[in-house]
Amino acid sequence: MFALKYLTFFRLLVSMLIRMKYLDKRPERASGELTIKDTRIRIAQVITMLANGYTIEQLHEGWPWISVSTLRGAVEEATQLISTDSHV
């Protein structure tokens, strides 16, 4: 039963990673952590900064090469991943 649950979780995670538009996870980038696609900016860092009072617009000022819509999309995708993980 454990192996089946693990396999289901793994398949779900892989399918989510394949469909991600704004996030990326590669072993050779940022120690394999989830990053904003085509950058080394970890989504965990973005979420921590938002939790500490930064706005999306302020993050964009610090990373002007990343659009506001990409930052928002990355946070939304991360939220979906977290939500999906909690229901498995």
N, C-alpha and C. Protein backbone atom coordinates (compact mmCIF):
# COMPACT_ATOMS: atom_id res chain seq x y z
N MET A 1 0.83 -1.19 0.00
CA MET A 1 0.00 0.00 0.00
C MET A 1 0.88 1.26 0.00
N PHE A 2 1.93 1.26 0.83
CA PHE A 2 2.83 2.42 0.89
C PHE A 2 3.45 2.69 -0.48
N ALA A 3 3.90 1.63 -1.15
CA ALA A 3 4.54 1.79 -2.45
C ALA A 3 3.57 2.38 -3.46
N LEU A 4 2.31 1.98 -3.42
CA LEU A 4 1.30 2.50 -4.33
C LEU A 4 1.06 3.99 -4.07
N LYS A 5 0.97 4.35 -2.80
CA LYS A 5 0.76 5.75 -2.45
C LYS A 5 1.96 6.59 -2.89
N TYR A 6 3.16 6.09 -2.67
CA TYR A 6 4.37 6.79 -3.09
C TYR A 6 4.41 6.95 -4.61
N LEU A 7 4.07 5.89 -5.32
CA LEU A 7 4.07 5.93 -6.78
C LEU A 7 3.04 6.93 -7.29
N THR A 8 1.87 6.96 -6.68
CA THR A 8 0.83 7.93 -7.06
C THR A 8 1.32 9.35 -6.83
N PHE A 9 1.94 9.60 -5.67
CA PHE A 9 2.48 10.91 -5.38
C PHE A 9 3.54 11.30 -6.41
N PHE A 10 4.43 10.38 -6.72
CA PHE A 10 5.50 10.64 -7.68
C PHE A 10 4.92 10.98 -9.06
N ARG A 11 3.95 10.22 -9.52
CA ARG A 11 3.32 10.50 -10.81
C ARG A 11 2.66 11.87 -10.82
N LEU A 12 1.98 12.20 -9.73
CA LEU A 12 1.32 13.50 -9.61
C LEU A 12 2.36 14.63 -9.66
N LEU A 13 3.44 14.46 -8.93
CA LEU A 13 4.49 15.48 -8.92
C LEU A 13 5.10 15.65 -10.30
N VAL A 14 5.40 14.57 -10.97
CA VAL A 14 5.98 14.63 -12.32
C VAL A 14 5.01 15.31 -13.27
N SER A 15 3.74 14.98 -13.20
CA SER A 15 2.77 15.61 -14.11
C SER A 15 2.66 17.10 -13.84
N MET A 16 2.75 17.51 -12.57
CA MET A 16 2.71 18.93 -12.25
C MET A 16 3.95 19.64 -12.78
N LEU A 17 5.11 19.02 -12.64
CA LEU A 17 6.35 19.64 -13.11
C LEU A 17 6.36 19.80 -14.63
N ILE A 18 5.78 18.84 -15.32
CA ILE A 18 5.75 18.90 -16.78
C ILE A 18 4.87 20.05 -17.25
N ARG A 19 3.79 20.33 -16.52
CA ARG A 19 2.84 21.35 -16.95
C ARG A 19 3.16 22.75 -16.43
N MET A 20 4.21 22.91 -15.67
CA MET A 20 4.50 24.20 -15.09
C MET A 20 4.95 25.20 -16.15
N LYS A 21 4.36 26.38 -16.10
CA LYS A 21 4.68 27.44 -17.05
C LYS A 21 5.72 28.39 -16.49
N TYR A 22 5.68 28.63 -15.18
CA TYR A 22 6.53 29.64 -14.57
C TYR A 22 7.64 29.08 -13.69
N LEU A 23 7.54 27.85 -13.30
CA LEU A 23 8.52 27.25 -12.39
C LEU A 23 9.31 26.16 -13.08
N ASP A 24 10.49 25.90 -12.54
CA ASP A 24 11.37 24.90 -13.11
C ASP A 24 12.14 24.24 -11.97
N LYS A 25 12.50 23.00 -12.16
CA LYS A 25 13.29 22.27 -11.17
C LYS A 25 14.31 21.43 -11.91
N ARG A 26 15.58 21.82 -11.76
CA ARG A 26 16.67 21.11 -12.43
C ARG A 26 17.77 20.83 -11.42
N PRO A 27 18.33 19.64 -11.46
CA PRO A 27 19.39 19.30 -10.50
C PRO A 27 20.60 20.22 -10.58
N GLU A 28 20.90 20.73 -11.77
CA GLU A 28 22.09 21.56 -11.94
C GLU A 28 21.87 23.03 -11.62
N ARG A 29 20.65 23.40 -11.26
CA ARG A 29 20.34 24.80 -10.96
C ARG A 29 19.80 24.93 -9.55
N ALA A 30 20.40 25.81 -8.76
CA ALA A 30 19.94 26.11 -7.40
C ALA A 30 19.79 24.85 -6.55
N SER A 31 20.75 23.96 -6.67
CA SER A 31 20.77 22.70 -5.92
C SER A 31 19.50 21.88 -6.11
N GLY A 32 18.87 22.01 -7.27
CA GLY A 32 17.68 21.22 -7.57
C GLY A 32 16.40 21.77 -6.97
N GLU A 33 16.47 22.94 -6.36
CA GLU A 33 15.26 23.52 -5.78
C GLU A 33 14.39 24.13 -6.87
N LEU A 34 13.13 24.34 -6.54
CA LEU A 34 12.18 24.93 -7.46
C LEU A 34 12.51 26.41 -7.67
N THR A 35 12.70 26.80 -8.94
CA THR A 35 13.06 28.18 -9.27
C THR A 35 12.07 28.75 -10.28
N ILE A 36 12.12 30.07 -10.42
CA ILE A 36 11.38 30.71 -11.50
C ILE A 36 12.09 30.30 -12.79
N LYS A 37 11.32 29.88 -13.76
CA LYS A 37 11.86 29.34 -15.00
C LYS A 37 12.91 30.28 -15.62
N ASP A 38 13.99 29.67 -16.06
CA ASP A 38 15.12 30.36 -16.72
C ASP A 38 15.86 31.34 -15.81
N THR A 39 15.73 31.16 -14.50
CA THR A 39 16.48 31.97 -13.54
C THR A 39 17.03 31.04 -12.46
N ARG A 40 17.79 31.61 -11.54
CA ARG A 40 18.25 30.88 -10.36
C ARG A 40 17.52 31.36 -9.11
N ILE A 41 16.44 32.09 -9.31
CA ILE A 41 15.68 32.63 -8.18
C ILE A 41 14.74 31.56 -7.65
N ARG A 42 14.99 31.17 -6.42
CA ARG A 42 14.18 30.12 -5.78
C ARG A 42 12.81 30.67 -5.42
N ILE A 43 11.78 29.89 -5.70
CA ILE A 43 10.43 30.32 -5.37
C ILE A 43 10.27 30.43 -3.86
N ALA A 44 10.99 29.64 -3.11
CA ALA A 44 10.93 29.74 -1.65
C ALA A 44 11.40 31.12 -1.20
N GLN A 45 12.41 31.68 -1.87
CA GLN A 45 12.89 33.02 -1.54
C GLN A 45 11.81 34.05 -1.84
N VAL A 46 11.13 33.91 -2.97
CA VAL A 46 10.07 34.84 -3.35
C VAL A 46 8.95 34.80 -2.31
N ILE A 47 8.52 33.61 -1.92
CA ILE A 47 7.44 33.48 -0.95
C ILE A 47 7.85 34.04 0.40
N THR A 48 9.09 33.80 0.81
CA THR A 48 9.58 34.34 2.08
C THR A 48 9.57 35.87 2.05
N MET A 49 10.00 36.44 0.94
CA MET A 49 10.01 37.90 0.83
C MET A 49 8.59 38.46 0.87
N LEU A 50 7.65 37.80 0.20
CA LEU A 50 6.26 38.24 0.26
C LEU A 50 5.72 38.15 1.69
N ALA A 51 6.06 37.07 2.38
CA ALA A 51 5.62 36.90 3.77
C ALA A 51 6.20 37.97 4.69
N ASN A 52 7.35 38.50 4.31
CA ASN A 52 8.00 39.54 5.11
C ASN A 52 7.59 40.96 4.70
N GLY A 53 6.58 41.07 3.86
CA GLY A 53 6.02 42.38 3.56
C GLY A 53 6.35 42.98 2.20
N TYR A 54 7.21 42.33 1.44
CA TYR A 54 7.49 42.84 0.10
C TYR A 54 6.25 42.65 -0.78
N THR A 55 6.10 43.50 -1.77
CA THR A 55 5.03 43.34 -2.76
C THR A 55 5.63 42.75 -4.03
N ILE A 56 4.77 42.25 -4.88
CA ILE A 56 5.22 41.74 -6.17
C ILE A 56 5.94 42.85 -6.94
N GLU A 57 5.41 44.05 -6.86
CA GLU A 57 6.01 45.18 -7.57
C GLU A 57 7.42 45.48 -7.05
N GLN A 58 7.62 45.38 -5.74
CA GLN A 58 8.96 45.60 -5.17
C GLN A 58 9.92 44.51 -5.62
N LEU A 59 9.43 43.28 -5.69
CA LEU A 59 10.28 42.19 -6.18
C LEU A 59 10.67 42.45 -7.63
N HIS A 60 9.72 42.92 -8.42
CA HIS A 60 10.00 43.24 -9.82
C HIS A 60 11.05 44.35 -9.94
N GLU A 61 11.01 45.32 -9.04
CA GLU A 61 12.03 46.38 -9.04
C GLU A 61 13.42 45.80 -8.80
N GLY A 62 13.50 44.79 -7.94
CA GLY A 62 14.79 44.15 -7.66
C GLY A 62 15.23 43.20 -8.76
N TRP A 63 14.28 42.63 -9.45
CA TRP A 63 14.55 41.70 -10.56
C TRP A 63 13.80 42.20 -11.80
N PRO A 64 14.23 43.32 -12.40
CA PRO A 64 13.45 43.92 -13.49
C PRO A 64 13.33 43.04 -14.74
N TRP A 65 14.17 42.05 -14.89
CA TRP A 65 14.09 41.15 -16.04
C TRP A 65 12.98 40.11 -15.89
N ILE A 66 12.34 40.08 -14.70
CA ILE A 66 11.21 39.17 -14.48
C ILE A 66 9.95 40.02 -14.40
N SER A 67 9.01 39.75 -15.29
CA SER A 67 7.79 40.56 -15.33
C SER A 67 6.92 40.31 -14.09
N VAL A 68 6.07 41.29 -13.81
CA VAL A 68 5.14 41.17 -12.69
C VAL A 68 4.23 39.96 -12.92
N SER A 69 3.78 39.75 -14.15
CA SER A 69 2.89 38.62 -14.42
C SER A 69 3.61 37.28 -14.22
N THR A 70 4.90 37.22 -14.53
CA THR A 70 5.66 35.99 -14.29
C THR A 70 5.81 35.74 -12.79
N LEU A 71 6.11 36.78 -12.04
CA LEU A 71 6.21 36.63 -10.58
C LEU A 71 4.90 36.13 -9.99
N ARG A 72 3.80 36.74 -10.41
CA ARG A 72 2.48 36.30 -9.91
C ARG A 72 2.20 34.86 -10.31
N GLY A 73 2.48 34.54 -11.57
CA GLY A 73 2.25 33.18 -12.05
C GLY A 73 3.08 32.15 -11.29
N ALA A 74 4.32 32.49 -10.99
CA ALA A 74 5.19 31.58 -10.25
C ALA A 74 4.65 31.32 -8.85
N VAL A 75 4.18 32.37 -8.19
CA VAL A 75 3.62 32.21 -6.84
C VAL A 75 2.35 31.36 -6.91
N GLU A 76 1.50 31.60 -7.91
CA GLU A 76 0.28 30.81 -8.06
C GLU A 76 0.60 29.34 -8.31
N GLU A 77 1.58 29.06 -9.16
CA GLU A 77 1.96 27.67 -9.42
C GLU A 77 2.50 27.00 -8.17
N ALA A 78 3.31 27.73 -7.41
CA ALA A 78 3.85 27.16 -6.16
C ALA A 78 2.72 26.85 -5.20
N THR A 79 1.74 27.73 -5.14
CA THR A 79 0.58 27.51 -4.27
C THR A 79 -0.18 26.26 -4.71
N GLN A 80 -0.34 26.08 -6.00
CA GLN A 80 -1.02 24.88 -6.51
C GLN A 80 -0.24 23.62 -6.16
N LEU A 81 1.08 23.68 -6.27
CA LEU A 81 1.90 22.51 -5.92
C LEU A 81 1.75 22.17 -4.45
N ILE A 82 1.78 23.18 -3.60
CA ILE A 82 1.65 22.96 -2.16
C ILE A 82 0.27 22.40 -1.85
N SER A 83 -0.75 22.95 -2.46
CA SER A 83 -2.12 22.50 -2.25
C SER A 83 -2.30 21.06 -2.71
N THR A 84 -1.72 20.72 -3.86
CA THR A 84 -1.81 19.36 -4.38
C THR A 84 -1.09 18.38 -3.47
N ASP A 85 0.09 18.76 -2.98
CA ASP A 85 0.86 17.89 -2.09
C ASP A 85 0.09 17.60 -0.80
N SER A 86 -0.65 18.55 -0.29
CA SER A 86 -1.34 18.35 0.98
C SER A 86 -2.54 17.44 0.84
N HIS A 87 -3.02 17.21 -0.39
CA HIS A 87 -4.18 16.35 -0.60
C HIS A 87 -3.80 14.93 -0.98
N VAL A 88 -2.53 14.64 -1.10
CA VAL A 88 -2.10 13.30 -1.50
C VAL A 88 -2.05 12.40 -0.30
